[in-house]
Amino acid sequence: MLGVGVGGWGKRRLSVRSRLTGDEFDCTVSDEAASEIEARQIGDIWRNLRAELRGKIHYKSLGRIRKVEAQEIRFFPPSANLPDIGDIRDESFTGGRRSEDFLERVRRGELS
C-alpha cells in the first residue's frame, strides 16, 4: 500500500504497488474491506505492510493491472514479526526417525 484517500463520488481509494510487477494502481474499497483498513495506522503504510486484495481486477493490458475493486483485504504481519528458521527448526520433531518413516507412520494413522 502506498496511500489512502478518497476518489470521485466519495469512494474510498487505496494507492497500491504490485509486489509481483511493481505496477502502481488505484483500488476502490468495499464497506467490508474498509473496516479492515480503518483498524490500521498510517505507520503500517509507511512500513510497507503487505496486504492481499480480493475483488474485481481491471487490466490495461495482458498481466498489467489498471485498477481493482476490492471486496476483501487481508493484512500480513510485518516481516519483523514472522518466525525465522531458528524458530521453526526442531531436530527432535520426528522422534529420531528418518523423515520418510515418520511421514509413512503419520499417513497410516500411527502417529497423531
C-alpha atoms as a PDB file:
ATOM      1  CA  MET A   1       0.000   0.000   0.000  1.00  0.00           C
ATOM      2  CA  LEU A   2       1.255   3.414  -0.931  1.00  0.00           C
ATOM      3  CA  GLY A   3      -1.548   5.601   0.342  1.00  0.00           C
ATOM      4  CA  VAL A   4      -5.174   6.011   1.367  1.00  0.00           C
ATOM      5  CA  GLY A   5      -7.593   8.628   0.113  1.00  0.00           C
ATOM      6  CA  VAL A   6     -10.999   9.483  -1.277  1.00  0.00           C
ATOM      7  CA  GLY A   7     -11.679   9.417  -5.011  1.00  0.00           C
ATOM      8  CA  GLY A   8     -14.534  10.627  -7.177  1.00  0.00           C
ATOM      9  CA  TRP A   9     -18.077  10.270  -5.812  1.00  0.00           C
ATOM     10  CA  GLY A  10     -16.583   9.894  -2.328  1.00  0.00           C
ATOM     11  CA  LYS A  11     -15.319   6.375  -2.974  1.00  0.00           C
ATOM     12  CA  ARG A  12     -12.641   5.115  -0.610  1.00  0.00           C
ATOM     13  CA  ARG A  13      -9.417   4.617  -2.525  1.00  0.00           C
ATOM     14  CA  LEU A  14      -6.069   2.956  -1.960  1.00  0.00           C
ATOM     15  CA  SER A  15      -2.924   3.520  -3.954  1.00  0.00           C
ATOM     16  CA  VAL A  16      -1.220   0.154  -4.327  1.00  0.00           C
ATOM     17  CA  ARG A  17       2.017  -1.220  -5.774  1.00  0.00           C
ATOM     18  CA  SER A  18       2.016  -4.796  -7.018  1.00  0.00           C
ATOM     19  CA  ARG A  19       4.713  -6.868  -5.329  1.00  0.00           C
ATOM     20  CA  LEU A  20       4.996  -9.015  -8.467  1.00  0.00           C
ATOM     21  CA  THR A  21       5.177  -6.410 -11.250  1.00  0.00           C
ATOM     22  CA  GLY A  22       5.968  -3.166  -9.436  1.00  0.00           C
ATOM     23  CA  ASP A  23       2.982  -1.539 -11.196  1.00  0.00           C
ATOM     24  CA  GLU A  24       1.120   1.122  -9.244  1.00  0.00           C
ATOM     25  CA  PHE A  25      -2.667   1.314  -9.478  1.00  0.00           C
ATOM     26  CA  ASP A  26      -5.730   2.573  -7.638  1.00  0.00           C
ATOM     27  CA  CYS A  27      -8.090   0.364  -5.713  1.00  0.00           C
ATOM     28  CA  THR A  28     -11.632   1.230  -4.643  1.00  0.00           C
ATOM     29  CA  VAL A  29     -12.686  -0.380  -1.382  1.00  0.00           C
ATOM     30  CA  SER A  30     -15.979  -2.008  -0.313  1.00  0.00           C
ATOM     31  CA  ASP A  31     -17.544  -1.400   3.109  1.00  0.00           C
ATOM     32  CA  GLU A  32     -16.234  -4.783   4.307  1.00  0.00           C
ATOM     33  CA  ALA A  33     -12.670  -4.076   3.247  1.00  0.00           C
ATOM     34  CA  ALA A  34     -12.879  -0.524   4.617  1.00  0.00           C
ATOM     35  CA  SER A  35     -13.442  -1.748   8.164  1.00  0.00           C
ATOM     36  CA  GLU A  36     -10.195  -3.765   7.989  1.00  0.00           C
ATOM     37  CA  ILE A  37      -8.297  -0.747   6.675  1.00  0.00           C
ATOM     38  CA  GLU A  38      -9.779   1.586   9.298  1.00  0.00           C
ATOM     39  CA  ALA A  39      -8.297  -0.628  12.034  1.00  0.00           C
ATOM     40  CA  ARG A  40      -4.782   0.115  10.694  1.00  0.00           C
ATOM     41  CA  GLN A  41      -2.492   3.013  11.428  1.00  0.00           C
ATOM     42  CA  ILE A  42      -0.694   5.273   8.989  1.00  0.00           C
ATOM     43  CA  GLY A  43       2.611   3.821  10.153  1.00  0.00           C
ATOM     44  CA  ASP A  44       1.551   0.458   8.723  1.00  0.00           C
ATOM     45  CA  ILE A  45       1.603   2.003   5.260  1.00  0.00           C
ATOM     46  CA  TRP A  46       4.932   3.726   5.864  1.00  0.00           C
ATOM     47  CA  ARG A  47       6.399   0.380   6.946  1.00  0.00           C
ATOM     48  CA  ASN A  48       5.194  -1.201   3.660  1.00  0.00           C
ATOM     49  CA  LEU A  49       2.791  -3.573   5.371  1.00  0.00           C
ATOM     50  CA  ARG A  50       1.791  -6.209   2.817  1.00  0.00           C
ATOM     51  CA  ALA A  51      -1.851  -6.927   2.078  1.00  0.00           C
ATOM     52  CA  GLU A  52      -3.861  -9.283  -0.087  1.00  0.00           C
ATOM     53  CA  LEU A  53      -6.742  -7.750  -2.030  1.00  0.00           C
ATOM     54  CA  ARG A  54      -9.667  -9.793  -3.349  1.00  0.00           C
ATOM     55  CA  GLY A  55     -12.158  -8.424  -5.794  1.00  0.00           C
ATOM     56  CA  LYS A  56     -12.624  -7.434  -9.405  1.00  0.00           C
ATOM     57  CA  ILE A  57      -9.415  -6.708 -11.318  1.00  0.00           C
ATOM     58  CA  HIS A  58      -9.422  -4.414 -14.365  1.00  0.00           C
ATOM     59  CA  TYR A  59      -6.451  -4.815 -16.704  1.00  0.00           C
ATOM     60  CA  LYS A  60      -4.914  -2.255 -19.056  1.00  0.00           C
ATOM     61  CA  SER A  61      -3.064  -4.982 -20.974  1.00  0.00           C
ATOM     62  CA  LEU A  62      -2.067  -8.594 -20.526  1.00  0.00           C
ATOM     63  CA  GLY A  63      -0.948  -9.010 -16.909  1.00  0.00           C
ATOM     64  CA  ARG A  64      -0.902  -5.248 -16.223  1.00  0.00           C
ATOM     65  CA  ILE A  65      -3.431  -4.071 -13.635  1.00  0.00           C
ATOM     66  CA  ARG A  66      -5.259  -0.788 -14.218  1.00  0.00           C
ATOM     67  CA  LYS A  67      -7.414  -0.821 -11.065  1.00  0.00           C
ATOM     68  CA  VAL A  68      -9.021  -3.128  -8.513  1.00  0.00           C
ATOM     69  CA  GLU A  69     -12.434  -3.046  -6.869  1.00  0.00           C
ATOM     70  CA  ALA A  70     -11.595  -4.712  -3.548  1.00  0.00           C
ATOM     71  CA  GLN A  71     -14.282  -6.662  -1.720  1.00  0.00           C
ATOM     72  CA  GLU A  72     -11.894  -8.073   0.872  1.00  0.00           C
ATOM     73  CA  ILE A  73      -8.497  -7.152   2.225  1.00  0.00           C
ATOM     74  CA  ARG A  74      -6.222  -9.172   4.477  1.00  0.00           C
ATOM     75  CA  PHE A  75      -3.083  -7.735   6.029  1.00  0.00           C
ATOM     76  CA  PHE A  76       0.008  -9.836   6.612  1.00  0.00           C
ATOM     77  CA  PRO A  77       2.120  -9.464   9.751  1.00  0.00           C
ATOM     78  CA  PRO A  78       5.198  -7.260   9.424  1.00  0.00           C
ATOM     79  CA  SER A  79       8.288  -9.179   8.310  1.00  0.00           C
ATOM     80  CA  ALA A  80       9.928  -8.469  11.673  1.00  0.00           C
ATOM     81  CA  ASN A  81       7.144 -10.452  13.405  1.00  0.00           C
ATOM     82  CA  LEU A  82       7.490 -13.544  11.224  1.00  0.00           C
ATOM     83  CA  PRO A  83       9.387 -16.570  12.535  1.00  0.00           C
ATOM     84  CA  ASP A  84      12.863 -17.259  11.259  1.00  0.00           C
ATOM     85  CA  ILE A  85      14.373 -20.685  10.638  1.00  0.00           C
ATOM     86  CA  GLY A  86      15.581 -20.940  14.226  1.00  0.00           C
ATOM     87  CA  ASP A  87      12.006 -20.576  15.469  1.00  0.00           C
ATOM     88  CA  ILE A  88      10.677 -23.449  13.387  1.00  0.00           C
ATOM     89  CA  ARG A  89      13.623 -25.853  13.312  1.00  0.00           C
ATOM     90  CA  ASP A  90      13.157 -28.796  15.674  1.00  0.00           C
ATOM     91  CA  GLU A  91      15.797 -31.502  15.492  1.00  0.00           C
ATOM     92  CA  SER A  92      13.663 -33.922  17.529  1.00  0.00           C
ATOM     93  CA  PHE A  93      10.392 -33.400  15.620  1.00  0.00           C
ATOM     94  CA  THR A  94      10.385 -36.923  14.141  1.00  0.00           C
ATOM     95  CA  GLY A  95      11.412 -38.578  17.396  1.00  0.00           C
ATOM     96  CA  GLY A  96      14.710 -39.703  15.889  1.00  0.00           C
ATOM     97  CA  ARG A  97      13.050 -41.370  12.894  1.00  0.00           C
ATOM     98  CA  ARG A  98      14.025 -40.673   9.305  1.00  0.00           C
ATOM     99  CA  SER A  99      11.582 -38.187   7.773  1.00  0.00           C
ATOM    100  CA  GLU A 100      10.323 -40.802   5.279  1.00  0.00           C
ATOM    101  CA  ASP A 101       9.499 -43.251   8.088  1.00  0.00           C
ATOM    102  CA  PHE A 102       7.876 -40.553  10.176  1.00  0.00           C
ATOM    103  CA  LEU A 103       5.602 -39.417   7.308  1.00  0.00           C
ATOM    104  CA  GLU A 104       4.649 -43.016   6.466  1.00  0.00           C
ATOM    105  CA  ARG A 105       3.548 -43.608  10.070  1.00  0.00           C
ATOM    106  CA  VAL A 106       1.542 -40.360  10.052  1.00  0.00           C
ATOM    107  CA  ARG A 107      -0.212 -41.425   6.828  1.00  0.00           C
ATOM    108  CA  ARG A 108      -1.075 -44.808   8.335  1.00  0.00           C
ATOM    109  CA  GLY A 109      -2.513 -43.048  11.396  1.00  0.00           C
ATOM    110  CA  GLU A 110       0.051 -44.491  13.765  1.00  0.00           C
ATOM    111  CA  LEU A 111       1.177 -41.048  14.955  1.00  0.00           C
ATOM    112  CA  SER A 112      -1.019 -38.105  15.833  1.00  0.00           C
END
